[in-house]
Protein backbone atom coordinates (compact mmCIF):
# COMPACT_ATOMS: atom_id res chain seq x y z
CA MET A 1 -19.40 -25.36 0.03
CA ALA A 2 -15.96 -26.37 1.25
CA HIS A 3 -13.31 -27.05 -1.46
CA ASP A 4 -10.45 -29.34 -1.45
CA VAL A 5 -7.00 -27.65 -1.24
CA LEU A 6 -3.77 -29.27 -2.26
CA PRO A 7 -1.26 -29.81 0.48
CA GLY A 8 0.91 -26.83 0.86
CA ALA A 9 -1.71 -24.47 -0.77
CA PRO A 10 -2.75 -21.32 1.21
CA GLU A 11 -5.99 -21.45 3.21
CA GLN A 12 -8.91 -21.02 0.86
CA GLY A 13 -10.26 -17.41 0.56
CA GLU A 14 -10.71 -14.38 -1.61
CA LEU A 15 -6.98 -13.78 -1.81
CA THR A 16 -6.00 -17.44 -2.34
CA GLY A 17 -3.68 -17.52 -5.29
CA PHE A 18 -2.33 -14.02 -4.98
CA ARG A 19 0.78 -12.32 -3.67
CA ILE A 20 0.37 -9.08 -1.84
CA GLY A 21 3.32 -6.79 -0.95
CA VAL A 22 3.21 -4.91 2.23
CA THR A 23 5.31 -1.87 2.88
CA ALA A 24 3.83 -0.91 6.20
CA HIS A 25 5.62 -0.93 9.54
CA ARG A 26 3.22 0.31 12.08
CA ARG A 27 0.21 -1.97 12.39
CA ALA A 28 1.73 -4.37 9.84
CA GLY A 29 0.92 -7.34 11.99
CA ASP A 30 -2.75 -6.64 11.95
CA PHE A 31 -2.75 -5.87 8.23
CA ILE A 32 -0.84 -8.90 7.24
CA ALA A 33 -3.03 -11.18 9.42
CA ALA A 34 -6.11 -9.90 7.74
CA LEU A 35 -4.63 -10.53 4.36
CA GLU A 36 -3.39 -14.02 5.26
CA ARG A 37 -6.87 -14.98 6.92
CA ARG A 38 -8.14 -14.51 3.35
CA GLY A 39 -5.57 -16.69 1.85
CA ALA A 40 -3.11 -14.25 0.49
CA GLN A 41 0.67 -14.95 0.34
CA VAL A 42 2.13 -11.82 1.89
CA VAL A 43 5.62 -10.41 1.17
CA HIS A 44 6.57 -8.03 3.79
CA ALA A 45 9.19 -5.38 3.42
CA PRO A 46 8.80 -2.29 5.72
CA ALA A 47 9.87 0.76 4.02
CA LEU A 48 9.96 3.06 7.10
CA MET A 49 9.17 2.90 10.80
CA ILE A 50 8.10 5.47 13.37
CA SER A 51 10.93 6.57 15.73
CA PRO A 52 10.13 5.72 19.43
CA ALA A 53 8.95 8.61 21.69
CA GLU A 54 11.75 8.24 24.13
CA GLU A 55 14.21 9.06 21.44
CA ASP A 56 12.56 12.17 20.38
CA THR A 57 13.14 14.65 23.32
CA ARG A 58 12.75 17.63 20.77
CA VAL A 59 9.03 17.23 21.00
CA VAL A 60 9.07 18.50 24.59
CA GLU A 61 11.25 21.35 23.71
CA ASP A 62 9.02 22.39 20.81
CA THR A 63 5.94 22.00 23.05
CA ARG A 64 7.40 24.37 25.60
CA ALA A 65 8.21 27.03 22.96
CA LEU A 66 4.71 26.59 21.52
CA LEU A 67 2.98 27.13 24.90
CA ALA A 68 5.18 30.20 25.48
CA HIS A 69 3.83 31.69 22.23
CA ARG A 70 0.04 30.94 22.98
CA PRO A 71 -1.04 29.71 19.74
CA GLU A 72 -4.45 31.13 18.37
CA VAL A 73 -4.86 28.15 15.87
CA VAL A 74 -3.64 24.52 16.32
CA VAL A 75 -3.51 22.03 13.29
CA VAL A 76 -3.60 18.50 13.99
CA THR A 77 -2.78 16.17 11.16
CA THR A 78 -2.90 12.61 12.55
CA GLY A 79 -4.54 10.95 15.51
CA TYR A 80 -1.46 8.85 16.22
CA GLY A 81 0.62 11.98 16.30
CA VAL A 82 -1.63 13.92 18.65
CA ARG A 83 -1.75 10.91 21.04
CA ARG A 84 2.09 10.68 21.08
CA TRP A 85 2.20 14.53 21.53
CA PHE A 86 0.11 14.49 24.73
CA GLU A 87 1.89 11.39 25.97
CA ALA A 88 5.21 13.26 25.66
CA ALA A 89 3.86 16.31 27.24
CA ASP A 90 2.10 14.53 30.04
CA ALA A 91 5.63 12.71 30.78
CA ALA A 92 7.20 16.16 30.86
CA GLY A 93 4.64 17.75 33.19
CA LEU A 94 3.35 19.89 30.35
CA GLY A 95 0.09 17.86 29.68
CA GLU A 96 -2.48 20.28 31.43
CA ASP A 97 -0.81 23.35 29.81
CA LEU A 98 -1.15 21.80 26.39
CA ARG A 99 -4.81 20.84 26.95
CA GLU A 100 -5.47 24.48 27.98
CA ALA A 101 -3.81 25.65 24.90
CA PHE A 102 -6.12 23.36 22.93
CA ARG A 103 -9.21 24.56 24.69
CA THR A 104 -8.29 28.21 24.13
CA ALA A 105 -7.25 27.81 20.49
CA ARG A 106 -9.14 27.13 17.25
CA VAL A 107 -8.39 23.50 16.47
CA LEU A 108 -8.56 22.10 12.97
CA ALA A 109 -8.05 18.39 12.29
CA ARG A 110 -6.86 17.02 9.03
CA GLY A 111 -9.28 14.03 9.14
CA ALA A 112 -11.78 11.98 11.08
CA LYS A 113 -9.11 9.96 13.00
CA ALA A 114 -7.39 13.02 14.18
CA ARG A 115 -10.61 14.58 15.27
CA GLY A 116 -11.68 11.41 17.12
CA GLN A 117 -8.36 11.37 19.04
CA ILE A 118 -8.83 14.81 20.26
CA LEU A 119 -12.49 14.26 21.30
CA SER A 120 -11.45 11.14 23.22
CA MET A 121 -9.37 13.51 25.36
CA GLU A 122 -12.44 15.51 26.19
CA LEU A 123 -11.34 18.28 24.01
CA ASP A 124 -13.84 19.77 21.82
CA ASP A 125 -14.57 22.57 19.21
CA VAL A 126 -12.77 20.58 16.44
CA GLU A 127 -13.08 21.54 12.91
CA VAL A 128 -12.33 18.66 10.47
CA SER A 129 -11.29 18.46 6.75
CA GLU A 130 -13.41 16.05 4.92
CA LEU A 131 -10.58 15.65 2.22
CA GLU A 132 -8.19 14.62 4.96
CA ARG A 133 -5.31 16.61 3.50
CA THR A 134 -3.12 19.09 5.16
CA SER A 135 -3.59 21.40 2.11
CA SER A 136 -7.34 21.71 2.51
CA VAL A 137 -6.81 22.73 6.24
CA VAL A 138 -4.50 25.44 5.09
CA ASP A 139 -6.89 26.44 2.34
CA ARG A 140 -9.64 27.04 4.92
CA LEU A 141 -7.19 29.03 7.11
CA LEU A 142 -6.09 31.22 4.20
CA ALA A 143 -9.71 31.82 3.22
CA ASP A 144 -10.34 33.03 6.72
CA GLY A 145 -7.08 35.11 6.86
CA VAL A 146 -4.14 34.29 9.05
CA ALA A 147 -2.08 37.55 8.92
CA GLY A 148 -0.59 38.17 12.33
CA THR A 149 -1.97 34.78 13.74
CA ARG A 150 0.24 32.42 15.70
CA VAL A 151 -0.42 28.89 14.25
CA ALA A 152 0.72 25.62 15.74
CA VAL A 153 1.13 22.66 13.44
CA GLN A 154 1.48 19.01 14.53
CA LEU A 155 3.71 17.48 11.85
CA HIS A 156 3.15 13.95 10.62
CA GLY A 157 6.39 12.18 10.33
CA LEU A 158 7.81 14.46 7.60
CA THR A 159 7.73 18.27 7.35
CA ASP A 160 5.13 19.46 4.89
CA ALA A 161 7.22 22.37 3.76
CA LEU A 162 4.94 23.64 1.01
CA GLN A 163 1.89 23.94 3.36
CA LEU A 164 4.14 25.69 6.09
CA ARG A 165 5.44 28.14 3.49
CA ARG A 166 1.85 28.97 2.36
CA LEU A 167 0.97 29.87 5.93
CA VAL A 168 4.02 32.00 6.45
CA ALA A 169 3.65 33.75 3.13
CA ALA A 170 0.07 34.73 4.27
CA GLY A 171 1.41 36.36 7.28
CA ALA A 172 1.12 33.60 9.90
CA ALA A 173 3.71 33.03 12.69
CA VAL A 174 4.20 29.13 12.73
CA ASP A 175 5.34 26.79 15.38
CA THR A 176 5.68 23.03 14.60
CA VAL A 177 5.78 19.90 16.75
CA ALA A 178 6.96 16.60 15.38
CA PRO A 179 5.83 13.88 17.82
CA TYR A 180 7.22 11.18 15.75
CA ARG A 181 9.68 10.69 12.88
CA TRP A 182 10.08 8.44 9.96
CA LEU A 183 13.13 6.20 9.93
CA SER A 184 14.31 3.53 7.61
CA ALA A 185 12.99 0.15 8.52
CA ASP A 186 14.86 -1.87 5.82
CA ASP A 187 17.45 -4.21 6.84
CA GLY A 188 19.14 -3.83 3.45
CA GLU A 189 17.57 -6.98 1.93
CA ARG A 190 13.92 -7.18 2.17
CA LEU A 191 12.87 -3.97 0.46
CA PRO A 192 15.25 -4.42 -2.57
CA ALA A 193 13.99 -8.01 -2.98
CA LEU A 194 10.31 -6.90 -2.88
CA ILE A 195 11.13 -4.14 -5.46
CA ARG A 196 12.78 -6.73 -7.83
CA GLU A 197 9.68 -9.02 -7.51
CA VAL A 198 7.32 -6.12 -8.41
CA CYS A 199 9.59 -5.30 -11.43
CA GLU A 200 9.37 -9.02 -12.53
CA ARG A 201 5.58 -8.70 -11.98
CA ARG A 202 5.49 -11.44 -9.45
CA ILE A 203 3.57 -9.48 -6.99
CA ASP A 204 -0.20 -8.86 -7.76
CA VAL A 205 -0.91 -5.83 -5.52
CA LEU A 206 1.65 -3.55 -3.70
CA THR A 207 0.14 -1.80 -0.72
CA PHE A 208 1.16 1.61 0.86
CA THR A 209 -0.14 2.99 4.16
CA ALA A 210 1.98 6.17 4.21
CA ALA A 211 3.14 8.61 1.65
CA PRO A 212 6.76 8.65 3.07
CA ALA A 213 6.88 4.90 2.47
CA VAL A 214 6.21 5.49 -1.27
CA ASP A 215 9.18 7.91 -1.51
CA ALA A 216 11.27 5.35 0.38
CA VAL A 217 10.44 2.59 -2.04
CA PHE A 218 11.13 4.93 -5.03
CA SER A 219 14.35 6.03 -3.47
CA THR A 220 15.51 2.44 -2.73
CA ALA A 221 14.61 1.45 -6.42
CA GLN A 222 16.66 4.30 -7.65
CA GLU A 223 19.72 3.18 -5.52
CA ILE A 224 19.57 -0.45 -6.80
CA GLY A 225 19.08 0.75 -10.51
CA CYS A 226 15.42 -0.22 -11.20
CA HIS A 227 13.44 2.81 -10.61
CA ASP A 228 12.15 2.97 -14.20
CA GLU A 229 11.30 -0.75 -14.15
CA LEU A 230 9.51 -0.32 -10.76
CA VAL A 231 7.33 2.53 -12.26
CA ALA A 232 6.53 0.61 -15.44
CA ALA A 233 5.60 -2.36 -13.37
CA LEU A 234 3.20 -0.27 -11.20
CA ARG A 235 1.69 1.43 -14.27
CA SER A 236 0.93 -1.95 -15.92
CA GLY A 237 1.05 -5.39 -14.41
CA VAL A 238 1.12 -4.73 -10.59
CA THR A 239 -1.58 -2.95 -8.86
CA ALA A 240 -0.61 -0.13 -6.47
CA ALA A 241 -3.05 0.25 -3.51
CA ALA A 242 -2.87 3.22 -1.18
CA VAL A 243 -4.83 3.72 1.97
CA GLY A 244 -5.87 7.27 1.30
CA PRO A 245 -5.40 10.25 -1.14
CA VAL A 246 -2.29 11.52 0.81
CA CYS A 247 -0.65 8.29 0.53
CA ALA A 248 -1.61 8.07 -3.23
CA GLY A 249 -0.06 11.54 -3.92
CA PRO A 250 3.61 10.35 -4.76
CA LEU A 251 2.13 7.56 -6.88
CA LEU A 252 -0.05 9.80 -8.97
CA GLU A 253 2.89 12.27 -9.44
CA ALA A 254 4.80 9.22 -10.99
CA GLY A 255 2.02 8.49 -13.38
CA ILE A 256 0.78 5.51 -11.43
CA GLU A 257 -2.98 5.15 -10.74
CA PRO A 258 -3.47 3.34 -7.51
CA VAL A 259 -6.61 1.97 -6.12
CA VAL A 260 -7.79 3.81 -3.00
CA PRO A 261 -10.72 2.81 -0.57
CA GLU A 262 -13.44 5.25 -0.03
CA ARG A 263 -12.83 5.13 3.83
CA TYR A 264 -9.19 5.74 4.59
CA ARG A 265 -8.65 2.76 6.87
CA LEU A 266 -6.74 -0.34 6.80
CA GLY A 267 -9.86 -2.51 6.95
CA ALA A 268 -11.35 -0.76 3.98
CA LEU A 269 -7.97 -1.25 2.15
CA VAL A 270 -8.13 -4.92 2.92
CA ARG A 271 -11.70 -5.04 1.40
CA LEU A 272 -10.68 -3.14 -1.61
CA VAL A 273 -7.71 -5.39 -2.27
CA CYS A 274 -10.02 -8.51 -2.07
CA ASP A 275 -12.56 -6.80 -4.44
CA HIS A 276 -9.90 -5.75 -6.92
CA VAL A 277 -8.18 -9.20 -7.32
CA VAL A 278 -11.56 -10.90 -7.79
CA THR A 279 -12.85 -8.52 -10.45
CA GLU A 280 -9.58 -7.34 -12.14
CA ARG A 281 -6.92 -9.75 -11.62
CA THR A 282 -8.62 -13.02 -12.00
CA THR A 283 -8.99 -14.37 -15.56
CA VAL A 284 -11.95 -16.72 -15.98
CA VAL A 285 -11.85 -19.03 -19.00
CA PRO A 286 -14.45 -21.81 -19.79
CA THR A 287 -12.67 -24.99 -20.81
CA ALA A 288 -13.49 -28.60 -21.80
CA CYS A 289 -12.69 -29.43 -18.02
CA GLY A 290 -14.80 -26.71 -16.44
CA GLU A 291 -14.16 -23.09 -15.48
CA LEU A 292 -10.57 -22.21 -15.24
CA ARG A 293 -9.62 -19.31 -13.01
CA LEU A 294 -6.03 -17.95 -13.51
CA LEU A 295 -4.72 -16.37 -10.35
CA GLY A 296 -1.48 -14.86 -9.43
CA THR A 297 0.26 -17.92 -8.02
CA GLY A 298 -1.83 -20.70 -9.38
CA ILE A 299 -5.12 -21.74 -10.79
CA ALA A 300 -8.60 -22.67 -9.57
CA LEU A 301 -10.31 -25.63 -11.41
CA GLY A 302 -13.34 -27.50 -10.21
CA GLY A 303 -13.31 -25.54 -6.97
CA ARG A 304 -9.73 -26.63 -6.16
CA PHE A 305 -6.77 -24.32 -5.88
CA ILE A 306 -3.59 -25.59 -7.56
CA PRO A 307 -0.35 -23.78 -6.91
CA LEU A 308 1.93 -23.40 -9.96
CA PRO A 309 5.43 -21.93 -10.71
CA TRP A 310 5.41 -18.56 -12.40
CA SER A 311 6.65 -20.03 -15.67
CA GLN A 312 3.77 -22.48 -15.84
CA ILE A 313 1.30 -19.74 -15.10
CA ALA A 314 2.68 -17.61 -17.85
CA VAL A 315 2.21 -20.44 -20.36
CA LEU A 316 -1.34 -20.90 -19.25
CA ARG A 317 -2.09 -17.14 -19.48
CA ALA A 318 -0.76 -17.09 -23.09
CA LEU A 319 -2.94 -20.02 -24.00
CA ALA A 320 -6.03 -18.62 -22.22
CA ALA A 321 -5.58 -15.36 -24.08
CA ALA A 322 -6.66 -17.34 -27.27
CA PRO A 323 -8.75 -20.30 -25.85
CA GLY A 324 -9.04 -23.09 -28.42
CA LEU A 325 -6.62 -21.42 -30.78
CA VAL A 326 -3.03 -22.69 -31.56
CA VAL A 327 -0.38 -20.54 -29.88
CA PRO A 328 2.92 -20.94 -31.65
CA ARG A 329 5.89 -22.08 -29.54
CA ALA A 330 7.75 -18.78 -30.53
CA ASP A 331 4.88 -16.73 -28.90
CA LEU A 332 4.98 -18.88 -25.71
CA LEU A 333 8.80 -18.48 -25.54
CA ARG A 334 8.27 -14.67 -25.60
CA ALA A 335 5.50 -14.95 -22.96
CA VAL A 336 7.94 -16.64 -20.43
CA PRO A 337 11.00 -14.51 -19.90
CA GLY A 338 14.09 -16.68 -19.14
CA LEU A 339 13.11 -19.46 -21.63
CA ASP A 340 15.41 -19.31 -24.61
CA ASN A 341 14.73 -22.50 -26.53
CA GLU A 342 11.90 -24.92 -27.43
CA HIS A 343 13.28 -27.83 -25.19
CA ALA A 344 12.99 -25.54 -22.14
CA LEU A 345 9.45 -24.79 -23.15
CA GLU A 346 8.61 -28.50 -23.54
CA MET A 347 9.85 -29.17 -20.06
CA VAL A 348 7.64 -26.30 -18.60
CA VAL A 349 4.68 -27.80 -20.47
CA SER A 350 5.43 -31.28 -19.47
CA ARG A 351 5.56 -30.32 -15.81
CA LEU A 352 2.39 -28.18 -16.11
CA ARG A 353 0.48 -31.11 -17.49
CA ARG A 354 1.53 -33.36 -14.63
CA ALA A 355 0.38 -30.64 -12.22
CA LEU A 356 -3.02 -30.28 -13.73
CA PRO A 357 -5.72 -32.54 -12.64
CA ALA A 358 -7.17 -32.64 -16.28
CA PRO A 359 -5.81 -32.62 -19.86
CA LEU A 360 -6.14 -28.77 -20.40
CA VAL A 361 -3.03 -28.37 -22.58
CA GLN A 362 -3.12 -29.98 -26.03
CA THR A 363 -0.21 -30.26 -28.36
CA VAL A 364 -0.58 -29.43 -32.05
CA ILE A 365 2.33 -31.22 -33.77
CA LYS A 366 4.74 -28.90 -35.50
CA ARG A 367 2.58 -25.70 -34.73
CA GLY A 368 2.38 -25.23 -30.95
CA TYR A 369 -0.10 -25.74 -28.04
CA ARG A 370 -3.64 -24.83 -27.32
CA LEU A 371 -6.14 -24.74 -24.36
CA ALA A 372 -8.83 -27.36 -24.50
CA VAL A 373 -12.17 -25.76 -24.76
């Protein structure tokens, strides 16, 4: 059944009433469009971007060196990276030589997307790691033994130094190729602004699609002096969502438990965010005026979304925590940072009442306020 929506409210959908932070650069447009179609208010601050292929001539030099060494094993870490690698090789006249190197080597892919990209180029005999981690590929190689073996590794934006060291320590000779590099995508304003909103818990879910982006966000937070506040907010108050276990790694190391989809794809991440806000970030309270649903940027009452300022939502959340009971003014002042006197609280409550379509907030003289149930 269609619901009425107030003018200026986002399109009705599963994410209506929630603010989602997006740190992605690559494919951000598709990701943001999918979130907005479901009603989300998206705050986009790309942390990192991938360098253009034409700016990275070193990939051609590294490919020549790799081909000269005739690798016995090739490790492919990302589908996007192997595609960029072959595009650069083709442009330099090395494409057929590289394909032949793949055909004669043992090829291991970090995940299904990398394997699919290799198969799409009519290259076969690909082994794949179900865990989609470089460490699991290296574990398999070390179990088989790599002493005296020439191993070529396609890097994924940043050098995975630990895994390379493991191969070298086991006696492998390692060549690397980096078809793309991560560069800062921040204009100096958007990422710090998003981080501050997370610290203030004005973002419901902060999404990540690459592990280096997590590091970039933490580094920026350190630079602007709010790293500890950011970590605290992501541990309690703001949900971190990572596209896969590799991306989740830096968050887990910081003591943050992100939500991760079972399938490591953007579409699955969108679905997970939808399910999470409905089940975990929506407070449902029965009231005298019907079911009240407290969302991130407003409320839903009688099938109608009503956007509200953050201070008014904070007051409603404090009242909803004890439905029908009197909440003292002092408690409400503590629930809304920035309010420092009862007159300011009364103004917030007055505006809240005017915004609501029903008398939900009752005054108990000389004591405080309560939610009508």
